[in-house]
C-alpha cells in the first residue's frame, strides 16, 4: 500500500488537513504550535485508491531542544517511508526561510512532493499565495483545510501519483484492538516502541509527551493487533484545559474503541488510587483488562517479590481481583514477550460464549449451594439463565422477583460464574428479568 506523508513547519494546518482527508477527527487540532508530536497513521480510500496517510509533528530545520529534535526525527522518518509527500505551508505567513530549507532537503531525497498552500480562504490570500511558485516545485495547490476548499483538486493530484491498491492478504484471525493506558510517564510510548522494534513514538522523560491516541498495526504469528498509545490520564483536578483536556478525553475514548486494555503501572510506585480509577473506567466500559508492571528492572527483588506484589495489588483490587498481572521492562525488553499471550487469553475470555445447557446447570448448582434471599414474605425464585451476548459477556436470569435479589447475592453469582467458567480480566454482567413460573 502506498504511503502519503503530510509534513511542514509547526502550526501550518497539517493535522486539520489530515482530519479532512481521513474524514473524521483523528488528530488533535489546536491553534498553538507543537500539538502533534508522533506519527499518526490512518488508511484512506478514494475510489480504487487505498493508501496510508501519515500526520507528523512540525519540521524545524534547526531543533533547539531534545523534544523538538525527536519530533523532527519522527517527521523525517515518515518522509523516508513515504511514496508521496504533501509539504504544507501557511499562506498567511508567506514563504519562510525554513520552508526553503525543508524543500531543499526533500529534493535531495528524490521524493515526489506536492506543495500544498493552506489557509487560502479568500481572494486576498489567493493572490498572496502566488509567491510560493518561487519555491521551485512543479505542483503547487491552494487549499483551505478548515473550509474544505481545494480538497477535491488535492485528492485528484494524489490519485494521479499513486497506483491502485492491491487486495490485502487475508489474515487467519481477526485484528485485536489493544489500548495502552496509564498515568503520565509510566512508559506507554516506550512499550509500544519496544513491541514494534522501532522508535515509532516520541519518548521523553517529560510527562504529557503523547497527546493523540496513536494507532499502530502489527502482526505476531498469525494474529494482527492494533496498538493504541494514549496520553496519560491524570486526576481531574490536575488536568489543564485545552490540549491536555482533549488528550485525556481522547485517551478515555480509546477505551471504547479497544477490546483489551493494557493498564501500565509504575512498578516502583505500585498500584495507586489513580490506577484504580482508570481500571474502573476500563471495566465499566466493558473491556478486557491486563495490568502491566512496567520498570520491573528498577525494583529490588528476589524470587518472592513478584508474587508478593501481585497479592498486594489484588488486595487493592477487591472485586476486580480476577484481572491478570504481568511484569516487564519496556526499556530493556525484559518479559515483554509475555504480554501478547496474556492479551490473547483475555480476548478469548472476552469473546467466550457458554452453551445455555451449561449455564442452567451452573444456576441449579449455585441455587442449591445458596438459595436466593427472602424479601419480605417473598422468596425469590430463579427459573432460567442464558448468555445473551459476548464481548463482553452478558447473562440474563429470569426470576419471579428481580427486586428481591440484593447486591450481595448478585456478587455471589458473578463470583461463582468466574469460578466455573473463568472470565479472567473481563467484566461480567448479569441482568435480572421478571417472569412468572414456567407452569403458569
Protein backbone atom coordinates (compact mmCIF):
# COMPACT_ATOMS: atom_id res chain seq x y z
CA UNK A 1 0.00 0.00 0.00
CA UNK A 2 1.26 3.50 -0.85
CA UNK A 3 2.25 5.88 1.94
CA UNK A 4 1.45 9.61 1.76
CA UNK A 5 3.11 11.82 4.40
CA UNK A 6 1.95 15.28 5.45
CA UNK A 7 4.91 17.41 6.58
CA UNK A 8 5.66 21.08 7.21
CA UNK A 9 6.61 23.58 9.85
CA UNK A 10 4.59 23.71 13.12
CA UNK A 11 1.08 25.17 13.09
CA UNK A 12 0.53 25.33 9.34
CA UNK A 13 -2.59 23.11 9.46
CA UNK A 14 -1.18 19.62 8.88
CA UNK A 15 -3.49 17.90 11.37
CA UNK A 16 -6.51 19.82 10.07
CA UNK A 17 -5.70 18.55 6.57
CA UNK A 18 -5.13 15.04 7.93
CA UNK A 19 -8.58 15.05 9.57
CA UNK A 20 -10.15 16.43 6.39
CA UNK A 21 -8.67 13.70 4.20
CA UNK A 22 -9.41 10.91 6.69
CA UNK A 23 -12.97 12.16 7.09
CA UNK A 24 -13.02 12.25 10.89
CA UNK A 25 -11.27 13.98 13.77
CA UNK A 26 -8.38 11.52 14.01
CA UNK A 27 -5.82 14.08 15.23
CA UNK A 28 -5.94 16.80 17.87
CA UNK A 29 -6.13 20.30 16.39
CA UNK A 30 -5.27 23.40 18.43
CA UNK A 31 -4.14 26.87 17.37
CA UNK A 32 -0.73 26.54 19.01
CA UNK A 33 2.45 25.00 17.58
CA UNK A 34 3.71 21.59 18.62
CA UNK A 35 0.40 19.84 19.35
CA UNK A 36 1.20 16.86 17.09
CA UNK A 37 4.37 15.06 18.19
CA UNK A 38 4.15 11.46 17.00
CA UNK A 39 3.42 9.98 13.61
CA UNK A 40 -0.33 9.41 13.30
CA UNK A 41 -1.40 6.84 10.68
CA UNK A 42 -4.79 6.27 9.05
CA UNK A 43 -5.99 4.35 6.00
CA UNK A 44 -7.76 6.39 3.32
CA UNK A 45 -9.97 5.05 0.50
CA UNK A 46 -10.65 7.03 -2.69
CA UNK A 47 -12.36 5.07 -5.46
CA UNK A 48 -9.81 2.43 -6.46
CA UNK A 49 -7.01 4.03 -4.41
CA UNK A 50 -6.20 2.90 -0.90
CA UNK A 51 -3.21 4.36 0.90
CA UNK A 52 -1.78 5.10 4.32
CA UNK A 53 -1.86 8.77 5.29
CA UNK A 54 0.67 9.97 7.89
CA UNK A 55 0.33 13.09 10.01
CA UNK A 56 3.60 14.37 11.53
CA UNK A 57 4.90 16.91 14.00
CA UNK A 58 6.42 20.17 12.83
CA UNK A 59 9.65 20.08 10.85
CA UNK A 60 12.21 22.56 12.16
CA UNK A 61 15.50 22.83 10.23
CA UNK A 62 17.32 23.77 13.43
CA UNK A 63 15.92 21.98 16.50
CA UNK A 64 16.65 23.83 19.75
CA UNK A 65 15.84 21.10 22.29
CA UNK A 66 15.69 17.32 22.59
CA UNK A 67 11.90 17.04 22.33
CA UNK A 68 11.78 19.17 19.16
CA UNK A 69 14.63 17.14 17.68
CA UNK A 70 12.72 13.92 18.42
CA UNK A 71 9.58 15.32 16.78
CA UNK A 72 11.59 16.30 13.69
CA UNK A 73 13.11 12.83 13.63
CA UNK A 74 9.62 11.32 13.54
CA UNK A 75 8.69 13.58 10.62
CA UNK A 76 11.86 12.71 8.69
CA UNK A 77 11.21 9.01 9.29
CA UNK A 78 7.74 9.47 7.77
CA UNK A 79 9.30 11.15 4.72
CA UNK A 80 11.69 8.21 4.30
CA UNK A 81 8.77 5.76 4.30
CA UNK A 82 6.57 7.85 2.01
CA UNK A 83 5.89 7.38 -1.69
CA UNK A 84 4.40 10.89 -1.88
CA UNK A 85 4.97 13.92 0.36
CA UNK A 86 2.43 16.71 0.89
CA UNK A 87 4.53 19.67 2.03
CA UNK A 88 2.10 22.06 3.74
CA UNK A 89 2.81 25.79 4.10
CA UNK A 90 0.80 28.69 5.53
CA UNK A 91 -0.41 31.33 3.04
CA UNK A 92 -0.79 33.85 5.89
CA UNK A 93 2.88 33.52 6.85
CA UNK A 94 4.29 33.53 3.33
CA UNK A 95 7.36 31.67 2.11
CA UNK A 96 9.73 31.39 5.07
CA UNK A 97 13.47 30.56 5.09
CA UNK A 98 12.60 27.38 6.99
CA UNK A 99 10.27 26.32 4.15
CA UNK A 100 13.05 26.72 1.57
CA UNK A 101 15.44 24.67 3.72
CA UNK A 102 12.90 21.83 4.04
CA UNK A 103 12.20 21.89 0.29
CA UNK A 104 15.93 21.53 -0.42
CA UNK A 105 16.07 18.51 1.90
CA UNK A 106 13.06 16.92 0.19
CA UNK A 107 14.60 17.44 -3.24
CA UNK A 108 17.84 15.80 -2.13
CA UNK A 109 15.79 12.77 -1.10
CA UNK A 110 14.32 12.45 -4.62
CA UNK A 111 10.78 12.30 -3.22
CA UNK A 112 7.64 13.10 -5.19
CA UNK A 113 6.47 16.31 -3.47
CA UNK A 114 3.28 18.36 -3.75
CA UNK A 115 3.46 21.87 -2.33
CA UNK A 116 0.15 22.50 -0.52
CA UNK A 117 -0.51 26.14 0.36
CA UNK A 118 -3.04 26.05 3.21
CA UNK A 119 -5.36 28.74 4.63
CA UNK A 120 -6.18 30.16 1.16
CA UNK A 121 -9.76 31.06 2.10
CA UNK A 122 -10.33 34.37 0.28
CA UNK A 123 -9.28 36.14 -2.95
CA UNK A 124 -6.74 38.16 -0.98
CA UNK A 125 -4.89 35.05 0.14
CA UNK A 126 -5.22 33.54 -3.33
CA UNK A 127 -3.16 36.48 -4.60
CA UNK A 128 -0.68 36.23 -1.71
CA UNK A 129 -0.15 32.51 -2.33
CA UNK A 130 1.34 33.17 -5.78
CA UNK A 131 4.73 33.82 -4.15
CA UNK A 132 5.04 30.10 -3.39
CA UNK A 133 5.64 29.46 -7.11
CA UNK A 134 9.18 30.68 -6.36
CA UNK A 135 9.80 27.59 -4.24
CA UNK A 136 10.66 25.73 -7.43
CA UNK A 137 8.28 22.77 -7.02
CA UNK A 138 6.37 21.70 -10.11
CA UNK A 139 2.94 21.30 -8.47
CA UNK A 140 1.55 23.99 -6.15
CA UNK A 141 -2.01 23.58 -4.84
CA UNK A 142 -4.04 26.19 -2.98
CA UNK A 143 -6.41 24.87 -0.31
CA UNK A 144 -8.19 25.68 2.93
CA UNK A 145 -8.28 22.51 5.00
CA UNK A 146 -10.56 24.11 7.57
CA UNK A 147 -13.17 25.16 4.99
CA UNK A 148 -12.68 22.20 2.58
CA UNK A 149 -11.62 24.49 -0.29
CA UNK A 150 -9.42 22.92 -2.98
CA UNK A 151 -9.59 19.47 -1.35
CA UNK A 152 -11.07 17.82 -4.46
CA UNK A 153 -8.16 19.12 -6.58
CA UNK A 154 -5.69 17.86 -3.98
CA UNK A 155 -7.33 14.43 -3.98
CA UNK A 156 -7.11 14.26 -7.78
CA UNK A 157 -3.42 15.20 -7.67
CA UNK A 158 -2.70 12.50 -5.10
CA UNK A 159 -4.72 9.94 -7.05
CA UNK A 160 -2.64 10.57 -10.19
CA UNK A 161 0.59 9.85 -8.30
CA UNK A 162 -0.20 6.58 -6.51
CA UNK A 163 -1.11 3.22 -8.08
CA UNK A 164 -4.39 1.36 -7.48
CA UNK A 165 -4.30 -0.59 -4.24
CA UNK A 166 -3.75 -4.33 -4.24
CA UNK A 167 -6.15 -6.51 -2.30
CA UNK A 168 -4.81 -7.06 1.22
CA UNK A 169 -3.69 -10.58 2.10
CA UNK A 170 -6.22 -12.42 4.26
CA UNK A 171 -5.42 -12.86 7.95
CA UNK A 172 -6.05 -16.11 9.77
CA UNK A 173 -7.67 -14.34 12.69
CA UNK A 174 -9.32 -11.02 13.34
CA UNK A 175 -7.48 -7.93 14.47
CA UNK A 176 -7.36 -7.39 18.24
CA UNK A 177 -7.59 -3.74 19.26
CA UNK A 178 -5.36 -3.13 22.28
CA UNK A 179 -5.28 0.26 24.06
CA UNK A 180 -2.23 1.06 26.19
CA UNK A 181 -3.38 3.22 29.11
CA UNK A 182 -1.95 4.61 32.32
CA UNK A 183 -0.88 7.65 34.26
CA UNK A 184 1.58 10.09 32.65
CA UNK A 185 5.17 8.93 32.26
CA UNK A 186 4.70 5.26 33.15
CA UNK A 187 6.26 4.14 29.84
CA UNK A 188 3.33 3.70 27.44
CA UNK A 189 5.14 5.01 24.35
CA UNK A 190 8.29 3.11 25.31
CA UNK A 191 6.28 -0.11 25.45
CA UNK A 192 4.71 0.45 22.02
CA UNK A 193 8.14 1.26 20.54
CA UNK A 194 9.59 -1.90 22.11
CA UNK A 195 6.78 -4.06 20.72
CA UNK A 196 7.23 -2.57 17.25
CA UNK A 197 11.02 -2.71 17.33
CA UNK A 198 11.35 0.92 16.20
CA UNK A 199 11.12 4.46 17.55
CA UNK A 200 7.55 4.85 16.32
CA UNK A 201 6.55 7.31 19.06
CA UNK A 202 8.27 10.25 20.71
CA UNK A 203 9.62 9.24 24.13
CA UNK A 204 10.68 11.83 26.69
CA UNK A 205 11.03 11.93 30.49
CA UNK A 206 8.64 14.90 30.37
CA UNK A 207 5.13 13.90 31.42
CA UNK A 208 2.49 14.59 28.78
CA UNK A 209 4.66 13.97 25.69
CA UNK A 210 1.94 11.89 23.98
CA UNK A 211 -1.20 13.85 23.13
CA UNK A 212 -3.01 11.99 20.36
CA UNK A 213 -4.27 8.42 20.61
CA UNK A 214 -1.89 6.84 18.07
CA UNK A 215 -2.94 3.64 16.24
CA UNK A 216 -0.28 1.22 15.00
CA UNK A 217 -0.97 -2.16 13.39
CA UNK A 218 1.43 -5.06 13.90
CA UNK A 219 1.35 -8.82 13.44
CA UNK A 220 2.51 -11.53 15.83
CA UNK A 221 2.38 -15.08 14.43
CA UNK A 222 -0.98 -15.28 12.58
CA UNK A 223 -2.76 -12.58 14.60
CA UNK A 224 -2.87 -8.88 13.87
CA UNK A 225 -3.01 -6.30 16.65
CA UNK A 226 -3.91 -2.61 16.51
CA UNK A 227 -1.99 -0.92 19.31
CA UNK A 228 -3.32 2.40 20.57
CA UNK A 229 -0.85 4.52 22.54
CA UNK A 230 -2.68 7.18 24.55
CA UNK A 231 -2.00 10.28 26.59
CA UNK A 232 -1.51 9.80 30.32
CA UNK A 233 -4.71 10.10 32.35
CA UNK A 234 -4.29 12.40 35.34
CA UNK A 235 -6.77 13.07 38.11
CA UNK A 236 -9.47 15.52 37.01
CA UNK A 237 -8.23 18.19 39.41
CA UNK A 238 -4.83 18.19 37.71
CA UNK A 239 -5.98 18.27 34.09
CA UNK A 240 -5.47 21.64 32.43
CA UNK A 241 -7.94 22.96 29.88
CA UNK A 242 -7.11 22.98 26.18
CA UNK A 243 -4.79 20.42 24.61
CA UNK A 244 -4.28 18.34 27.75
CA UNK A 245 -8.01 18.08 28.45
CA UNK A 246 -8.67 16.99 24.87
CA UNK A 247 -5.79 14.47 25.10
CA UNK A 248 -7.27 12.89 28.22
CA UNK A 249 -10.74 12.73 26.61
CA UNK A 250 -9.19 11.02 23.58
CA UNK A 251 -7.46 8.51 25.88
CA UNK A 252 -10.76 7.73 27.59
CA UNK A 253 -12.48 7.45 24.18
CA UNK A 254 -9.82 4.92 23.13
CA UNK A 255 -11.25 2.54 25.76
CA UNK A 256 -14.48 2.43 23.76
CA UNK A 257 -12.53 1.56 20.59
CA UNK A 258 -10.48 -1.20 22.23
CA UNK A 259 -11.27 -4.81 23.01
CA UNK A 260 -8.47 -5.32 25.54
CA UNK A 261 -6.82 -2.53 27.55
CA UNK A 262 -3.31 -2.82 28.95
CA UNK A 263 -3.06 -0.66 32.07
CA UNK A 264 0.58 0.21 32.65
CA UNK A 265 1.70 0.67 36.25
CA UNK A 266 4.98 2.04 37.55
CA UNK A 267 6.39 -0.98 39.42
CA UNK A 268 8.42 1.26 41.72
CA UNK A 269 5.31 3.23 42.76
CA UNK A 270 2.89 0.32 42.95
CA UNK A 271 -0.87 0.38 42.40
CA UNK A 272 -2.17 3.91 43.04
CA UNK A 273 -5.66 5.35 43.52
CA UNK A 274 -5.49 6.84 40.00
CA UNK A 275 -4.62 3.40 38.59
CA UNK A 276 -7.75 2.08 40.30
CA UNK A 277 -9.84 4.86 38.70
CA UNK A 278 -8.50 4.02 35.24
CA UNK A 279 -9.17 0.30 35.78
CA UNK A 280 -12.76 1.13 36.76
CA UNK A 281 -13.13 3.11 33.52
CA UNK A 282 -11.89 0.10 31.54
CA UNK A 283 -14.16 -2.47 33.19
CA UNK A 284 -17.21 -0.20 33.29
CA UNK A 285 -16.59 0.35 29.59
CA UNK A 286 -16.99 -3.41 29.07
CA UNK A 287 -13.37 -4.01 28.00
CA UNK A 288 -10.90 -6.71 28.94
CA UNK A 289 -8.01 -5.62 31.15
CA UNK A 290 -4.39 -6.61 31.77
CA UNK A 291 -2.30 -4.96 34.50
CA UNK A 292 1.31 -4.50 33.44
CA UNK A 293 4.02 -3.68 36.00
CA UNK A 294 6.49 -1.67 33.93
CA UNK A 295 10.01 -0.63 35.01
CA UNK A 296 10.38 -4.01 36.78
CA UNK A 297 14.15 -3.76 36.23
CA UNK A 298 14.27 -0.88 38.76
CA UNK A 299 12.72 -2.94 41.59
CA UNK A 300 14.91 -4.62 44.21
CA UNK A 301 13.62 -8.16 44.20
CA UNK A 302 14.09 -11.83 45.00
CA UNK A 303 12.18 -14.93 43.90
CA UNK A 304 9.14 -13.94 46.04
CA UNK A 305 8.86 -10.28 45.05
CA UNK A 306 6.51 -10.67 42.09
CA UNK A 307 4.09 -12.98 43.93
CA UNK A 308 4.01 -10.64 46.93
CA UNK A 309 3.47 -7.62 44.68
CA UNK A 310 0.54 -9.35 42.96
CA UNK A 311 -1.00 -10.19 46.35
CA UNK A 312 -0.69 -6.56 47.42
CA UNK A 313 -2.32 -5.39 44.19
CA UNK A 314 -5.18 -7.88 44.50
CA UNK A 315 -5.93 -6.58 47.99
CA UNK A 316 -6.44 -3.15 46.42
CA UNK A 317 -8.48 -4.56 43.51
CA UNK A 318 -11.29 -6.03 45.61
CA UNK A 319 -13.94 -7.40 43.18
CA UNK A 320 -11.52 -6.85 40.28
CA UNK A 321 -9.00 -9.35 41.63
CA UNK A 322 -9.55 -11.55 38.57
CA UNK A 323 -7.53 -9.16 36.33
CA UNK A 324 -4.21 -10.80 35.28
CA UNK A 325 -0.92 -9.12 36.21
CA UNK A 326 2.36 -9.30 34.27
CA UNK A 327 5.72 -7.63 34.91
CA UNK A 328 8.17 -6.27 32.35
CA UNK A 329 10.63 -3.56 31.43
CA UNK A 330 9.82 -1.68 28.22
CA UNK A 331 13.28 -0.08 28.39
CA UNK A 332 15.28 -3.34 28.44
CA UNK A 333 12.71 -5.64 26.81
CA UNK A 334 12.60 -7.94 29.85
CA UNK A 335 9.48 -10.18 29.76
CA UNK A 336 7.79 -8.02 27.10
CA UNK A 337 7.14 -11.17 25.05
CA UNK A 338 4.73 -12.37 27.76
CA UNK A 339 2.29 -9.57 27.10
CA UNK A 340 0.65 -10.87 23.90
CA UNK A 341 -0.17 -14.37 25.23
CA UNK A 342 -1.88 -12.70 28.21
CA UNK A 343 -3.76 -10.29 25.91
CA UNK A 344 -4.86 -13.27 23.78
CA UNK A 345 -6.20 -15.11 26.85
CA UNK A 346 -8.20 -12.08 27.98
CA UNK A 347 -9.51 -11.53 24.44
CA UNK A 348 -10.63 -15.18 24.30
CA UNK A 349 -12.44 -14.78 27.63
CA UNK A 350 -13.99 -11.51 26.41
CA UNK A 351 -15.48 -13.34 23.40
CA UNK A 352 -16.44 -16.53 25.25
CA UNK A 353 -19.95 -17.94 24.87
CA UNK A 354 -21.22 -20.59 27.28
CA UNK A 355 -23.91 -23.01 26.00
CA UNK A 356 -27.31 -22.48 27.60
CA UNK A 357 -27.41 -26.03 29.00
CA UNK A 358 -24.16 -25.45 30.90
CA UNK A 359 -25.35 -22.08 32.16
CA UNK A 360 -28.53 -23.62 33.59
CA UNK A 361 -26.62 -26.45 35.25
CA UNK A 362 -24.46 -23.75 36.82
CA UNK A 363 -27.57 -21.89 38.04
CA UNK A 364 -29.03 -25.05 39.60
CA UNK A 365 -25.79 -25.76 41.46
CA UNK A 366 -25.45 -22.13 42.61
CA UNK A 367 -29.03 -22.01 43.94
CA UNK A 368 -28.64 -25.40 45.63
CA UNK A 369 -25.48 -24.18 47.34
CA UNK A 370 -27.01 -20.82 48.39
CA UNK A 371 -30.73 -20.13 47.73
CA UNK A 372 -31.81 -16.56 46.91
CA UNK A 373 -32.74 -14.43 49.92
CA UNK A 374 -36.27 -13.93 51.24
CA UNK A 375 -37.51 -10.39 50.68
CA UNK A 376 -40.41 -9.56 52.99
CA UNK A 377 -42.63 -12.60 52.70
CA UNK A 378 -41.46 -13.40 49.19
CA UNK A 379 -38.80 -15.91 48.31
CA UNK A 380 -37.22 -15.01 45.00
CA UNK A 381 -37.13 -17.88 42.53
CA UNK A 382 -34.56 -18.15 39.72
CA UNK A 383 -36.07 -20.12 36.84
CA UNK A 384 -33.75 -19.91 33.89
CA UNK A 385 -30.41 -18.40 32.79
CA UNK A 386 -28.81 -17.80 29.41
CA UNK A 387 -25.96 -15.81 27.91
CA UNK A 388 -27.39 -13.04 25.74
CA UNK A 389 -24.15 -11.59 24.33
CA UNK A 390 -20.38 -11.74 24.40
CA UNK A 391 -17.66 -9.12 24.04
CA UNK A 392 -18.17 -8.54 26.98
CA UNK A 393 -20.20 -11.48 28.36
CA UNK A 394 -23.73 -10.58 29.47
CA UNK A 395 -26.14 -13.10 31.06
CA UNK A 396 -29.87 -12.90 31.73
CA UNK A 397 -31.61 -14.60 34.67
CA UNK A 398 -35.39 -14.97 34.60
CA UNK A 399 -36.78 -14.62 38.10
CA UNK A 400 -40.08 -14.19 39.92
CA UNK A 401 -39.00 -11.09 41.81
CA UNK A 402 -35.90 -9.19 40.47
CA UNK A 403 -36.12 -6.53 43.21
CA UNK A 404 -35.50 -9.20 45.84
CA UNK A 405 -32.01 -10.02 44.57
CA UNK A 406 -29.65 -7.87 46.60
CA UNK A 407 -26.13 -6.73 45.76
CA UNK A 408 -24.59 -9.47 47.88
CA UNK A 409 -26.37 -12.27 46.02
CA UNK A 410 -25.59 -10.68 42.66
CA UNK A 411 -21.90 -10.63 43.61
CA UNK A 412 -22.17 -14.28 44.70
CA UNK A 413 -23.49 -15.35 41.29
CA UNK A 414 -20.79 -13.40 39.40
CA UNK A 415 -18.05 -14.92 41.56
CA UNK A 416 -19.49 -18.42 41.04
CA UNK A 417 -19.59 -17.75 37.29
CA UNK A 418 -15.90 -16.84 37.34
CA UNK A 419 -15.04 -19.92 39.44
CA UNK A 420 -16.93 -22.14 36.99
CA UNK A 421 -16.16 -20.65 33.58
CA UNK A 422 -13.19 -18.30 34.02
CA UNK A 423 -13.66 -14.81 32.51
CA UNK A 424 -10.35 -13.59 33.97
CA UNK A 425 -9.74 -9.93 33.17
CA UNK A 426 -13.25 -9.46 31.77
CA UNK A 427 -16.29 -7.66 33.24
CA UNK A 428 -19.31 -9.98 33.66
CA UNK A 429 -22.85 -8.60 33.74
CA UNK A 430 -25.97 -10.43 34.93
CA UNK A 431 -29.36 -8.86 34.18
CA UNK A 432 -32.45 -9.97 36.05
CA UNK A 433 -35.77 -10.16 34.22
CA UNK A 434 -39.17 -10.80 35.74
CA UNK A 435 -41.05 -13.87 34.60
CA UNK A 436 -43.87 -15.96 36.01
CA UNK A 437 -43.41 -19.63 36.93
CA UNK A 438 -42.88 -21.82 33.85
CA UNK A 439 -46.04 -23.88 34.64
CA UNK A 440 -48.30 -20.80 34.94
